[in-house]
Amino acid sequence: MARDVYRGGPAGMVYFLGLVGAAIYFISQAATFWTGVFGFLKALVWPVFLIYEALKYLGV
């Protein structure tokens, strides 16, 4: 009997909490509906900017 083992659950939870926190932050800063939509989209991709800045800081 095969059993699926999924690893990385805690990392997914950290990403989810970061997503929710970023969405709350960006949407609360929005002055209009469309800046709120743009803020939500930024919340979806915040890890990209985080990794980019970290690598740039490390000189990689």
N, C-alpha and C. Protein backbone atom coordinates (compact mmCIF):
# COMPACT_ATOMS: atom_id res chain seq x y z
N MET A 1 0.85 -1.18 0.00
CA MET A 1 0.00 0.00 0.00
C MET A 1 0.89 1.24 0.00
N ALA A 2 0.76 2.09 -1.01
CA ALA A 2 1.57 3.30 -1.14
C ALA A 2 0.98 4.42 -0.29
N ARG A 3 1.88 5.18 0.26
CA ARG A 3 1.45 6.31 1.07
C ARG A 3 2.15 7.57 0.57
N ASP A 4 1.39 8.62 0.34
CA ASP A 4 1.98 9.88 -0.08
C ASP A 4 2.48 10.63 1.14
N VAL A 5 3.72 11.08 1.05
CA VAL A 5 4.32 11.85 2.13
C VAL A 5 4.62 13.24 1.58
N TYR A 6 4.04 14.23 2.21
CA TYR A 6 4.26 15.61 1.79
C TYR A 6 5.15 16.30 2.81
N ARG A 7 6.22 16.85 2.32
CA ARG A 7 7.13 17.58 3.20
C ARG A 7 7.04 19.07 2.85
N GLY A 8 7.32 19.89 3.82
CA GLY A 8 7.29 21.32 3.56
C GLY A 8 6.03 21.98 4.07
N GLY A 9 5.26 21.30 4.87
CA GLY A 9 4.03 21.88 5.42
C GLY A 9 4.27 23.14 6.22
N PRO A 10 5.29 23.14 7.12
CA PRO A 10 5.54 24.37 7.88
C PRO A 10 5.93 25.55 7.00
N ALA A 11 6.68 25.30 5.93
CA ALA A 11 7.06 26.39 5.04
C ALA A 11 5.83 26.96 4.34
N GLY A 12 4.90 26.11 3.99
CA GLY A 12 3.66 26.58 3.39
C GLY A 12 2.85 27.44 4.34
N MET A 13 2.88 27.07 5.61
CA MET A 13 2.16 27.86 6.61
C MET A 13 2.81 29.22 6.81
N VAL A 14 4.14 29.25 6.81
CA VAL A 14 4.85 30.53 6.93
C VAL A 14 4.53 31.41 5.73
N TYR A 15 4.53 30.84 4.52
CA TYR A 15 4.19 31.62 3.33
C TYR A 15 2.76 32.13 3.43
N PHE A 16 1.84 31.28 3.87
CA PHE A 16 0.45 31.69 3.97
C PHE A 16 0.28 32.84 4.97
N LEU A 17 0.94 32.74 6.12
CA LEU A 17 0.84 33.82 7.10
C LEU A 17 1.47 35.10 6.58
N GLY A 18 2.57 34.97 5.85
CA GLY A 18 3.18 36.14 5.22
C GLY A 18 2.27 36.75 4.18
N LEU A 19 1.59 35.92 3.42
CA LEU A 19 0.64 36.39 2.41
C LEU A 19 -0.50 37.16 3.06
N VAL A 20 -1.06 36.60 4.11
CA VAL A 20 -2.17 37.27 4.80
C VAL A 20 -1.71 38.59 5.40
N GLY A 21 -0.55 38.58 6.06
CA GLY A 21 -0.03 39.80 6.66
C GLY A 21 0.26 40.87 5.62
N ALA A 22 0.87 40.47 4.51
CA ALA A 22 1.18 41.43 3.44
C ALA A 22 -0.10 41.97 2.82
N ALA A 23 -1.10 41.10 2.63
CA ALA A 23 -2.37 41.55 2.05
C ALA A 23 -3.04 42.57 2.98
N ILE A 24 -3.05 42.28 4.27
CA ILE A 24 -3.65 43.22 5.21
C ILE A 24 -2.91 44.55 5.18
N TYR A 25 -1.59 44.50 5.17
CA TYR A 25 -0.80 45.73 5.15
C TYR A 25 -1.06 46.54 3.88
N PHE A 26 -0.90 45.90 2.71
CA PHE A 26 -1.04 46.63 1.45
C PHE A 26 -2.47 47.14 1.24
N ILE A 27 -3.45 46.35 1.59
CA ILE A 27 -4.84 46.79 1.40
C ILE A 27 -5.19 47.92 2.37
N SER A 28 -4.66 47.86 3.60
CA SER A 28 -4.95 48.94 4.55
C SER A 28 -4.31 50.26 4.12
N GLN A 29 -3.23 50.21 3.33
CA GLN A 29 -2.58 51.41 2.84
C GLN A 29 -3.24 51.97 1.57
N ALA A 30 -4.16 51.22 0.99
CA ALA A 30 -4.76 51.62 -0.28
C ALA A 30 -5.78 52.73 -0.08
N ALA A 31 -5.75 53.70 -1.00
CA ALA A 31 -6.69 54.82 -0.95
C ALA A 31 -7.91 54.56 -1.83
N THR A 32 -7.76 53.74 -2.87
CA THR A 32 -8.87 53.45 -3.77
C THR A 32 -9.01 51.94 -3.95
N PHE A 33 -10.07 51.55 -4.59
CA PHE A 33 -10.31 50.12 -4.84
C PHE A 33 -9.18 49.51 -5.65
N TRP A 34 -8.76 50.20 -6.72
CA TRP A 34 -7.76 49.61 -7.61
C TRP A 34 -6.39 49.55 -6.97
N THR A 35 -6.06 50.49 -6.10
CA THR A 35 -4.79 50.36 -5.38
C THR A 35 -4.87 49.20 -4.38
N GLY A 36 -6.08 48.91 -3.89
CA GLY A 36 -6.26 47.73 -3.04
C GLY A 36 -6.06 46.45 -3.82
N VAL A 37 -6.58 46.40 -5.04
CA VAL A 37 -6.38 45.23 -5.91
C VAL A 37 -4.89 45.07 -6.22
N PHE A 38 -4.22 46.18 -6.54
CA PHE A 38 -2.79 46.13 -6.81
C PHE A 38 -2.03 45.69 -5.56
N GLY A 39 -2.46 46.14 -4.40
CA GLY A 39 -1.84 45.72 -3.14
C GLY A 39 -1.98 44.24 -2.91
N PHE A 40 -3.13 43.68 -3.23
CA PHE A 40 -3.33 42.23 -3.08
C PHE A 40 -2.41 41.47 -4.03
N LEU A 41 -2.25 41.96 -5.25
CA LEU A 41 -1.35 41.32 -6.20
C LEU A 41 0.10 41.41 -5.71
N LYS A 42 0.47 42.54 -5.12
CA LYS A 42 1.81 42.66 -4.54
C LYS A 42 1.98 41.68 -3.39
N ALA A 43 0.94 41.44 -2.63
CA ALA A 43 1.02 40.50 -1.51
C ALA A 43 1.26 39.08 -2.01
N LEU A 44 0.78 38.76 -3.20
CA LEU A 44 1.00 37.42 -3.74
C LEU A 44 2.45 37.17 -4.11
N VAL A 45 3.17 38.22 -4.50
CA VAL A 45 4.53 38.03 -5.01
C VAL A 45 5.60 38.63 -4.09
N TRP A 46 5.28 38.96 -2.85
CA TRP A 46 6.26 39.57 -1.96
C TRP A 46 7.50 38.71 -1.75
N PRO A 47 7.42 37.37 -1.76
CA PRO A 47 8.66 36.60 -1.57
C PRO A 47 9.68 36.82 -2.70
N VAL A 48 9.21 37.11 -3.89
CA VAL A 48 10.12 37.36 -5.01
C VAL A 48 11.00 38.55 -4.70
N PHE A 49 10.40 39.63 -4.23
CA PHE A 49 11.16 40.83 -3.91
C PHE A 49 12.07 40.60 -2.70
N LEU A 50 11.63 39.84 -1.74
CA LEU A 50 12.43 39.53 -0.56
C LEU A 50 13.70 38.77 -0.94
N ILE A 51 13.56 37.74 -1.74
CA ILE A 51 14.72 36.94 -2.17
C ILE A 51 15.64 37.76 -3.06
N TYR A 52 15.07 38.56 -3.95
CA TYR A 52 15.89 39.41 -4.82
C TYR A 52 16.75 40.36 -4.01
N GLU A 53 16.14 41.03 -3.04
CA GLU A 53 16.89 41.99 -2.22
C GLU A 53 17.92 41.27 -1.34
N ALA A 54 17.59 40.09 -0.84
CA ALA A 54 18.54 39.33 -0.02
C ALA A 54 19.75 38.91 -0.85
N LEU A 55 19.52 38.44 -2.05
CA LEU A 55 20.64 38.04 -2.91
C LEU A 55 21.47 39.23 -3.34
N LYS A 56 20.81 40.36 -3.60
CA LYS A 56 21.54 41.57 -3.95
C LYS A 56 22.40 42.04 -2.77
N TYR A 57 21.86 41.95 -1.57
CA TYR A 57 22.61 42.34 -0.38
C TYR A 57 23.81 41.42 -0.15
N LEU A 58 23.65 40.14 -0.41
CA LEU A 58 24.72 39.18 -0.22
C LEU A 58 25.76 39.23 -1.35
N GLY A 59 25.44 39.92 -2.44
CA GLY A 59 26.37 40.05 -3.54
C GLY A 59 26.45 38.82 -4.42
N VAL A 60 25.41 38.05 -4.46
CA VAL A 60 25.39 36.81 -5.26
C VAL A 60 24.99 37.13 -6.69
